[in-house]
C-alpha atoms as a PDB file:
ATOM      1  CA  MET A   1       4.402  -6.224  -1.445  1.00  0.00           C
ATOM      2  CA  ILE A   2       2.388  -5.336  -3.827  1.00  0.00           C
ATOM      3  CA  LYS A   3      -1.140  -5.805  -2.378  1.00  0.00           C
ATOM      4  CA  ALA A   4      -3.434  -6.138  -5.824  1.00  0.00           C
ATOM      5  CA  ILE A   5      -7.320  -6.689  -6.264  1.00  0.00           C
ATOM      6  CA  ALA A   6      -8.234  -8.180 -10.075  1.00  0.00           C
ATOM      7  CA  ILE A   7     -11.614  -7.268 -11.525  1.00  0.00           C
ATOM      8  CA  ASP A   8     -13.324  -9.108 -14.521  1.00  0.00           C
ATOM      9  CA  ASP A   9     -16.663 -10.628 -15.539  1.00  0.00           C
ATOM     10  CA  GLU A  10     -15.158 -14.267 -15.908  1.00  0.00           C
ATOM     11  CA  ASN A  11     -15.125 -16.358 -13.062  1.00  0.00           C
ATOM     12  CA  MET A  12     -12.170 -18.772 -15.053  1.00  0.00           C
ATOM     13  CA  ALA A  13     -10.876 -15.800 -15.879  1.00  0.00           C
ATOM     14  CA  LEU A  14     -10.186 -14.976 -12.834  1.00  0.00           C
ATOM     15  CA  GLU A  15      -9.114 -18.052 -11.732  1.00  0.00           C
ATOM     16  CA  VAL A  16      -6.192 -18.175 -14.091  1.00  0.00           C
ATOM     17  CA  ILE A  17      -4.715 -14.324 -12.413  1.00  0.00           C
ATOM     18  CA  LYS A  18      -5.616 -16.361  -9.003  1.00  0.00           C
ATOM     19  CA  ALA A  19      -2.835 -19.543 -10.569  1.00  0.00           C
ATOM     20  CA  HIS A  20      -1.013 -16.917 -11.575  1.00  0.00           C
ATOM     21  CA  ALA A  21      -0.598 -14.088  -8.887  1.00  0.00           C
ATOM     22  CA  SER A  22       0.604 -17.489  -6.159  1.00  0.00           C
ATOM     23  CA  LYS A  23       2.982 -18.037  -8.102  1.00  0.00           C
ATOM     24  CA  VAL A  24       4.724 -14.258  -7.714  1.00  0.00           C
ATOM     25  CA  PRO A  25       6.373 -13.996  -4.350  1.00  0.00           C
ATOM     26  CA  PHE A  26       5.860  -9.950  -4.640  1.00  0.00           C
ATOM     27  CA  LEU A  27       2.301 -10.195  -5.422  1.00  0.00           C
ATOM     28  CA  GLU A  28      -0.117 -10.700  -2.785  1.00  0.00           C
ATOM     29  CA  LEU A  29      -3.940 -10.603  -4.704  1.00  0.00           C
ATOM     30  CA  LYS A  30      -6.210  -9.370  -1.897  1.00  0.00           C
ATOM     31  CA  ALA A  31      -9.327 -10.447  -4.168  1.00  0.00           C
ATOM     32  CA  THR A  32     -11.215 -10.844  -6.725  1.00  0.00           C
ATOM     33  CA  PHE A  33     -14.636  -9.397  -7.958  1.00  0.00           C
ATOM     34  CA  THR A  34     -17.063 -10.387 -10.538  1.00  0.00           C
ATOM     35  CA  ASP A  35     -19.375  -6.852 -10.270  1.00  0.00           C
ATOM     36  CA  ALA A  36     -17.211  -4.394 -10.977  1.00  0.00           C
ATOM     37  CA  VAL A  37     -18.983  -2.451  -8.817  1.00  0.00           C
ATOM     38  CA  GLN A  38     -18.846  -4.223  -5.658  1.00  0.00           C
ATOM     39  CA  GLY A  39     -14.530  -3.624  -6.723  1.00  0.00           C
ATOM     40  CA  LEU A  40     -14.922  -0.299  -6.568  1.00  0.00           C
ATOM     41  CA  GLU A  41     -16.794  -0.201  -2.828  1.00  0.00           C
ATOM     42  CA  TYR A  42     -13.667  -2.795  -1.685  1.00  0.00           C
ATOM     43  CA  LEU A  43     -11.317  -0.543  -2.378  1.00  0.00           C
ATOM     44  CA  LYS A  44     -13.583   2.440  -0.448  1.00  0.00           C
ATOM     45  CA  SER A  45     -12.200   1.161   2.230  1.00  0.00           C
ATOM     46  CA  ASN A  46      -9.050  -1.096   1.279  1.00  0.00           C
ATOM     47  CA  PRO A  47      -6.985   0.443  -0.683  1.00  0.00           C
ATOM     48  CA  VAL A  48      -4.593  -1.211  -3.109  1.00  0.00           C
ATOM     49  CA  GLU A  49      -1.447  -0.632  -5.196  1.00  0.00           C
ATOM     50  CA  LEU A  50      -2.462  -1.957  -8.494  1.00  0.00           C
ATOM     51  CA  VAL A  51      -5.283  -3.552 -10.178  1.00  0.00           C
ATOM     52  CA  PHE A  52      -6.180  -6.514 -12.875  1.00  0.00           C
ATOM     53  CA  LEU A  53      -8.814  -5.450 -14.378  1.00  0.00           C
ATOM     54  CA  ASP A  54     -10.900  -6.785 -17.294  1.00  0.00           C
ATOM     55  CA  ILE A  55     -11.629  -4.603 -20.208  1.00  0.00           C
ATOM     56  CA  ASN A  56     -14.825  -6.384 -22.356  1.00  0.00           C
ATOM     57  CA  MET A  57     -17.558  -5.773 -18.953  1.00  0.00           C
ATOM     58  CA  PRO A  58     -21.861  -5.797 -19.020  1.00  0.00           C
ATOM     59  CA  ASP A  59     -22.375  -3.179 -17.517  1.00  0.00           C
ATOM     60  CA  ILE A  60     -19.548  -0.579 -17.112  1.00  0.00           C
ATOM     61  CA  SER A  61     -16.113  -0.999 -19.934  1.00  0.00           C
ATOM     62  CA  GLY A  62     -12.710  -1.512 -17.650  1.00  0.00           C
ATOM     63  CA  VAL A  63     -12.296   1.875 -19.122  1.00  0.00           C
ATOM     64  CA  GLU A  64     -14.677   3.322 -17.580  1.00  0.00           C
ATOM     65  CA  LEU A  65     -13.552   1.969 -14.260  1.00  0.00           C
ATOM     66  CA  ALA A  66      -9.687   3.007 -14.519  1.00  0.00           C
ATOM     67  CA  THR A  67     -11.061   6.271 -14.550  1.00  0.00           C
ATOM     68  CA  LEU A  68     -12.790   5.936 -11.340  1.00  0.00           C
ATOM     69  CA  LEU A  69     -10.341   4.247  -9.476  1.00  0.00           C
ATOM     70  CA  PRO A  70      -8.281   5.942  -7.138  1.00  0.00           C
ATOM     71  CA  LYS A  71      -5.438   8.258  -9.056  1.00  0.00           C
ATOM     72  CA  GLU A  72      -2.747   6.146  -6.968  1.00  0.00           C
ATOM     73  CA  THR A  73      -3.754   3.102  -7.655  1.00  0.00           C
ATOM     74  CA  GLN A  74      -1.880   1.382 -11.005  1.00  0.00           C
ATOM     75  CA  VAL A  75      -3.865  -1.176 -13.445  1.00  0.00           C
ATOM     76  CA  ILE A  76      -2.695  -4.114 -15.827  1.00  0.00           C
ATOM     77  CA  PHE A  77      -5.335  -4.745 -18.219  1.00  0.00           C
ATOM     78  CA  THR A  78      -7.167  -8.572 -19.212  1.00  0.00           C
ATOM     79  CA  THR A  79      -9.160  -8.432 -22.429  1.00  0.00           C
ATOM     80  CA  ALA A  80      -9.176 -11.192 -24.925  1.00  0.00           C
ATOM     81  CA  TYR A  81      -9.330  -8.070 -26.853  1.00  0.00           C
ATOM     82  CA  SER A  82      -6.204  -6.227 -28.814  1.00  0.00           C
ATOM     83  CA  ASP A  83      -8.405  -3.001 -29.816  1.00  0.00           C
ATOM     84  CA  TYR A  84      -8.645  -1.660 -26.831  1.00  0.00           C
ATOM     85  CA  ALA A  85      -5.018  -2.050 -26.571  1.00  0.00           C
ATOM     86  CA  VAL A  86      -4.450   1.973 -27.314  1.00  0.00           C
ATOM     87  CA  GLN A  87      -6.859   2.691 -24.927  1.00  0.00           C
ATOM     88  CA  GLY A  88      -5.130   1.476 -22.338  1.00  0.00           C
ATOM     89  CA  PHE A  89      -1.642   3.290 -22.521  1.00  0.00           C
ATOM     90  CA  GLU A  90      -4.170   6.335 -23.292  1.00  0.00           C
ATOM     91  CA  LEU A  91      -4.503   5.765 -19.583  1.00  0.00           C
ATOM     92  CA  ASP A  92      -0.986   4.938 -18.594  1.00  0.00           C
ATOM     93  CA  ALA A  93      -1.994   1.692 -17.340  1.00  0.00           C
ATOM     94  CA  ILE A  94       1.827  -0.426 -16.337  1.00  0.00           C
ATOM     95  CA  ASP A  95       0.448  -2.980 -19.092  1.00  0.00           C
ATOM     96  CA  TYR A  96      -2.317  -4.756 -21.349  1.00  0.00           C
ATOM     97  CA  LEU A  97      -2.393  -8.457 -21.140  1.00  0.00           C
ATOM     98  CA  LEU A  98      -4.394 -10.191 -23.772  1.00  0.00           C
ATOM     99  CA  LYS A  99      -5.891 -13.667 -22.913  1.00  0.00           C
ATOM    100  CA  PRO A 100      -4.855 -16.589 -22.426  1.00  0.00           C
ATOM    101  CA  PHE A 101      -1.687 -14.883 -21.260  1.00  0.00           C
ATOM    102  CA  ASN A 102       0.466 -17.622 -19.981  1.00  0.00           C
ATOM    103  CA  LEU A 103       2.231 -17.231 -15.480  1.00  0.00           C
ATOM    104  CA  GLY A 104       5.564 -16.392 -17.909  1.00  0.00           C
ATOM    105  CA  ARG A 105       3.883 -13.167 -19.665  1.00  0.00           C
ATOM    106  CA  PHE A 106       2.054 -12.327 -16.286  1.00  0.00           C
ATOM    107  CA  LEU A 107       4.833 -11.942 -14.808  1.00  0.00           C
ATOM    108  CA  LYS A 108       6.652  -9.874 -16.503  1.00  0.00           C
ATOM    109  CA  ALA A 109       3.151  -7.532 -16.194  1.00  0.00           C
ATOM    110  CA  CYS A 110       3.688  -7.779 -12.575  1.00  0.00           C
ATOM    111  CA  GLN A 111       7.520  -6.484 -12.338  1.00  0.00           C
ATOM    112  CA  LYS A 112       6.607  -3.889 -14.423  1.00  0.00           C
ATOM    113  CA  ALA A 113       4.487  -3.207 -12.356  1.00  0.00           C
ATOM    114  CA  GLN A 114       7.698  -3.558  -9.005  1.00  0.00           C
ATOM    115  CA  GLU A 115       9.535  -1.398 -10.599  1.00  0.00           C
ATOM    116  CA  TRP A 116       7.115   2.096 -11.548  1.00  0.00           C
ATOM    117  CA  LEU A 117       6.635   1.316  -7.599  1.00  0.00           C
ATOM    118  CA  GLN A 118       9.774   1.572  -6.413  1.00  0.00           C
ATOM    119  CA  LEU A 119      10.896   4.108  -8.169  1.00  0.00           C
ATOM    120  CA  GLN A 120       8.155   6.396  -7.369  1.00  0.00           C
ATOM    121  CA  PRO A 121       9.596   8.850  -4.139  1.00  0.00           C
ATOM    122  CA  ALA A 122       8.821   7.817  -0.515  1.00  0.00           C
ATOM    123  CA  THR A 123       7.841  11.357  -0.590  1.00  0.00           C
ATOM    124  CA  LEU A 124       4.875  11.844  -2.956  1.00  0.00           C
ATOM    125  CA  GLN A 125       2.838   9.464  -0.621  1.00  0.00           C
ATOM    126  CA  GLN A 126       2.112  11.515   2.204  1.00  0.00           C
ATOM    127  CA  TYR A 127      -0.244   9.351   4.213  1.00  0.00           C
ATOM    128  CA  ILE A 128      -0.236   5.661   5.582  1.00  0.00           C
ATOM    129  CA  TYR A 129      -4.256   3.735   6.165  1.00  0.00           C
ATOM    130  CA  ILE A 130      -4.894   2.167   9.405  1.00  0.00           C
ATOM    131  CA  LYS A 131      -7.257  -1.461   9.042  1.00  0.00           C
ATOM    132  CA  THR A 132      -9.288  -0.524  12.805  1.00  0.00           C
ATOM    133  CA  SER A 133     -12.965  -2.164  13.911  1.00  0.00           C
ATOM    134  CA  GLU A 134     -14.216   0.386  12.102  1.00  0.00           C
ATOM    135  CA  GLY A 135     -13.125   0.125   8.845  1.00  0.00           C
ATOM    136  CA  GLN A 136      -9.862   2.435   7.176  1.00  0.00           C
ATOM    137  CA  VAL A 137      -8.432   5.602   8.134  1.00  0.00           C
ATOM    138  CA  LYS A 138      -6.335   7.432   6.184  1.00  0.00           C
ATOM    139  CA  VAL A 139      -3.385   9.353   8.358  1.00  0.00           C
ATOM    140  CA  LYS A 140      -1.071  11.506   6.928  1.00  0.00           C
ATOM    141  CA  TYR A 141       2.355  10.728   8.382  1.00  0.00           C
ATOM    142  CA  LYS A 142       3.081  14.793   9.376  1.00  0.00           C
ATOM    143  CA  ASP A 143       0.128  13.563  12.143  1.00  0.00           C
ATOM    144  CA  LEU A 144       1.565  10.983  12.938  1.00  0.00           C
ATOM    145  CA  PHE A 145       3.953  11.176  15.972  1.00  0.00           C
ATOM    146  CA  CYS A 146       4.243   7.776  16.955  1.00  0.00           C
ATOM    147  CA  CYS A 147       3.542   3.651  16.626  1.00  0.00           C
ATOM    148  CA  GLU A 148       3.257   1.929  20.194  1.00  0.00           C
ATOM    149  CA  ALA A 149       2.906  -1.803  20.129  1.00  0.00           C
ATOM    150  CA  THR A 150       0.524  -2.658  23.128  1.00  0.00           C
ATOM    151  CA  GLY A 151       0.223  -6.504  23.015  1.00  0.00           C
ATOM    152  CA  ASN A 152      -1.272  -8.034  19.448  1.00  0.00           C
ATOM    153  CA  TYR A 153      -1.912  -4.171  19.300  1.00  0.00           C
ATOM    154  CA  VAL A 154       0.278  -0.937  17.505  1.00  0.00           C
ATOM    155  CA  THR A 155      -1.152   2.032  18.773  1.00  0.00           C
ATOM    156  CA  PHE A 156      -0.794   4.760  16.241  1.00  0.00           C
ATOM    157  CA  HIS A 157      -0.666   8.591  18.173  1.00  0.00           C
ATOM    158  CA  LEU A 158      -1.723  11.361  15.997  1.00  0.00           C
ATOM    159  CA  ARG A 159      -2.358  15.135  16.913  1.00  0.00           C
ATOM    160  CA  ASN A 160      -6.071  14.895  17.261  1.00  0.00           C
ATOM    161  CA  GLY A 161      -5.970  11.865  19.171  1.00  0.00           C
ATOM    162  CA  ASN A 162      -5.107   7.909  19.012  1.00  0.00           C
ATOM    163  CA  LEU A 163      -5.685   4.755  16.560  1.00  0.00           C
ATOM    164  CA  MET A 164      -5.423   1.297  17.149  1.00  0.00           C
ATOM    165  CA  SER A 165      -4.739  -1.590  14.877  1.00  0.00           C
ATOM    166  CA  ARG A 166      -4.558  -4.710  14.974  1.00  0.00           C
ATOM    167  CA  ILE A 167      -0.933  -5.011  13.238  1.00  0.00           C
ATOM    168  CA  THR A 168       2.704  -6.217  14.769  1.00  0.00           C
ATOM    169  CA  LEU A 169       5.150  -2.927  14.450  1.00  0.00           C
ATOM    170  CA  ALA A 170       7.291  -5.028  12.456  1.00  0.00           C
ATOM    171  CA  GLU A 171       4.031  -4.823   9.980  1.00  0.00           C
ATOM    172  CA  ILE A 172       3.810  -0.718   9.763  1.00  0.00           C
ATOM    173  CA  GLU A 173       7.741  -0.544   9.766  1.00  0.00           C
ATOM    174  CA  LYS A 174       7.853  -1.419   6.374  1.00  0.00           C
ATOM    175  CA  GLU A 175       4.979   0.696   5.104  1.00  0.00           C
ATOM    176  CA  LEU A 176       6.228   3.702   6.451  1.00  0.00           C
ATOM    177  CA  PRO A 177       9.211   5.918   4.764  1.00  0.00           C
ATOM    178  CA  SER A 178      12.493   6.062   6.578  1.00  0.00           C
ATOM    179  CA  SER A 179      11.767   9.615   8.046  1.00  0.00           C
ATOM    180  CA  PHE A 180      10.403   6.972  11.156  1.00  0.00           C
ATOM    181  CA  ILE A 181      12.434   5.198  13.500  1.00  0.00           C
ATOM    182  CA  ARG A 182      12.600   2.874  15.643  1.00  0.00           C
ATOM    183  CA  THR A 183      13.482   3.695  18.933  1.00  0.00           C
ATOM    184  CA  HIS A 184      12.959   0.471  20.697  1.00  0.00           C
ATOM    185  CA  ARG A 185      11.166  -2.563  20.386  1.00  0.00           C
ATOM    186  CA  SER A 186       7.540  -0.959  21.765  1.00  0.00           C
ATOM    187  CA  TYR A 187       7.589   2.682  19.289  1.00  0.00           C
ATOM    188  CA  ILE A 188       8.686   3.540  16.691  1.00  0.00           C
ATOM    189  CA  VAL A 189       8.663   7.661  15.550  1.00  0.00           C
ATOM    190  CA  ASN A 190       8.500  10.599  13.075  1.00  0.00           C
ATOM    191  CA  SER A 191      12.048  11.579  13.318  1.00  0.00           C
ATOM    192  CA  GLU A 192       9.987  14.964  10.920  1.00  0.00           C
ATOM    193  CA  LEU A 193       8.234  15.539  14.695  1.00  0.00           C
ATOM    194  CA  VAL A 194      10.952  16.151  16.544  1.00  0.00           C
ATOM    195  CA  ASP A 195      11.920  18.325  18.361  1.00  0.00           C
ATOM    196  CA  LYS A 196      14.886  17.213  21.088  1.00  0.00           C
ATOM    197  CA  ALA A 197      16.616  14.629  21.006  1.00  0.00           C
ATOM    198  CA  GLU A 198      17.610  13.676  24.298  1.00  0.00           C
ATOM    199  CA  ARG A 199      20.197  10.443  25.483  1.00  0.00           C
ATOM    200  CA  HIS A 200      17.001   8.158  26.401  1.00  0.00           C
ATOM    201  CA  GLN A 201      14.147  10.191  24.623  1.00  0.00           C
ATOM    202  CA  LEU A 202      12.567  11.763  21.905  1.00  0.00           C
ATOM    203  CA  VAL A 203      10.688  15.008  22.812  1.00  0.00           C
ATOM    204  CA  LEU A 204       8.229  15.483  20.106  1.00  0.00           C
ATOM    205  CA  GLU A 205       5.876  18.924  20.564  1.00  0.00           C
ATOM    206  CA  GLY A 206       5.006  18.356  24.486  1.00  0.00           C
ATOM    207  CA  HIS A 207       4.875  14.792  23.854  1.00  0.00           C
ATOM    208  CA  SER A 208       8.157  11.694  24.692  1.00  0.00           C
ATOM    209  CA  PHE A 209       9.245   8.934  23.305  1.00  0.00           C
ATOM    210  CA  PRO A 210      11.956   6.235  25.140  1.00  0.00           C
ATOM    211  CA  ILE A 211      15.008   5.549  23.253  1.00  0.00           C
ATOM    212  CA  SER A 212      16.173   1.902  24.465  1.00  0.00           C
ATOM    213  CA  MET A 213      19.982   0.716  24.485  1.00  0.00           C
ATOM    214  CA  SER A 214      19.900  -1.353  21.773  1.00  0.00           C
ATOM    215  CA  PHE A 215      18.415   1.674  19.490  1.00  0.00           C
ATOM    216  CA  MET A 216      20.337   4.492  20.983  1.00  0.00           C
ATOM    217  CA  ASP A 217      23.307   4.479  18.573  1.00  0.00           C
ATOM    218  CA  GLU A 218      21.307   3.927  16.275  1.00  0.00           C
ATOM    219  CA  VAL A 219      18.534   6.759  17.137  1.00  0.00           C
ATOM    220  CA  MET A 220      21.694   8.985  17.667  1.00  0.00           C
ATOM    221  CA  ARG A 221      23.291   8.877  14.734  1.00  0.00           C
ATOM    222  CA  GLN A 222      20.469  10.144  13.144  1.00  0.00           C
ATOM    223  CA  PHE A 223      19.780  12.928  13.830  1.00  0.00           C
ATOM    224  CA  GLU A 224      23.629  13.764  14.175  1.00  0.00           C
ATOM    225  CA  ASN A 225      23.437  13.364  10.007  1.00  0.00           C
ATOM    226  CA  GLU A 226      20.569  15.542   9.927  1.00  0.00           C
END
């Protein structure tokens, strides 16, 4: 699922993007903004993979705004003016949508974004953002031992303490690279940090995490292949 936001100073343009986005099964439009600065502020604590970005805006142009986005965030420019196309592609934008655009053209742009993201090796991203009661916290994979389901929450066991987030283990599993393996219905463990793989537990730098019978064969196979 691609998480995205849209920034455009015209509400009508945002309504079109909302309507199209609702019909793309692999796209989740998290928020829309008519104010570019508010959009930037949102991204500080709510990172996304993709931004639909109008170019011709009053306070700051979309081209200028694109240079301020996190470098891992991809851009699809939207504008009524074809003159900006060259600038858009010079900034390595995924695509350039000329208004008014229909669902078919919108979908094609989204598919380009999906293909680009799928081609990126999982190892390129060395972190995950965890949503906590105090906001989004950036956690590096090398510091994350294990994810433990505790009721309606997941506890993230880290080198320097723990974090808790209201999310399911299944949702987190989709976000993590293949080096994180399910060992139990309540645990996902970072296999790259395992010091010892025993029949009923994995030991990571002095911390022990259980392996249930239902996951034992798969877990042992993982370490036999390494």
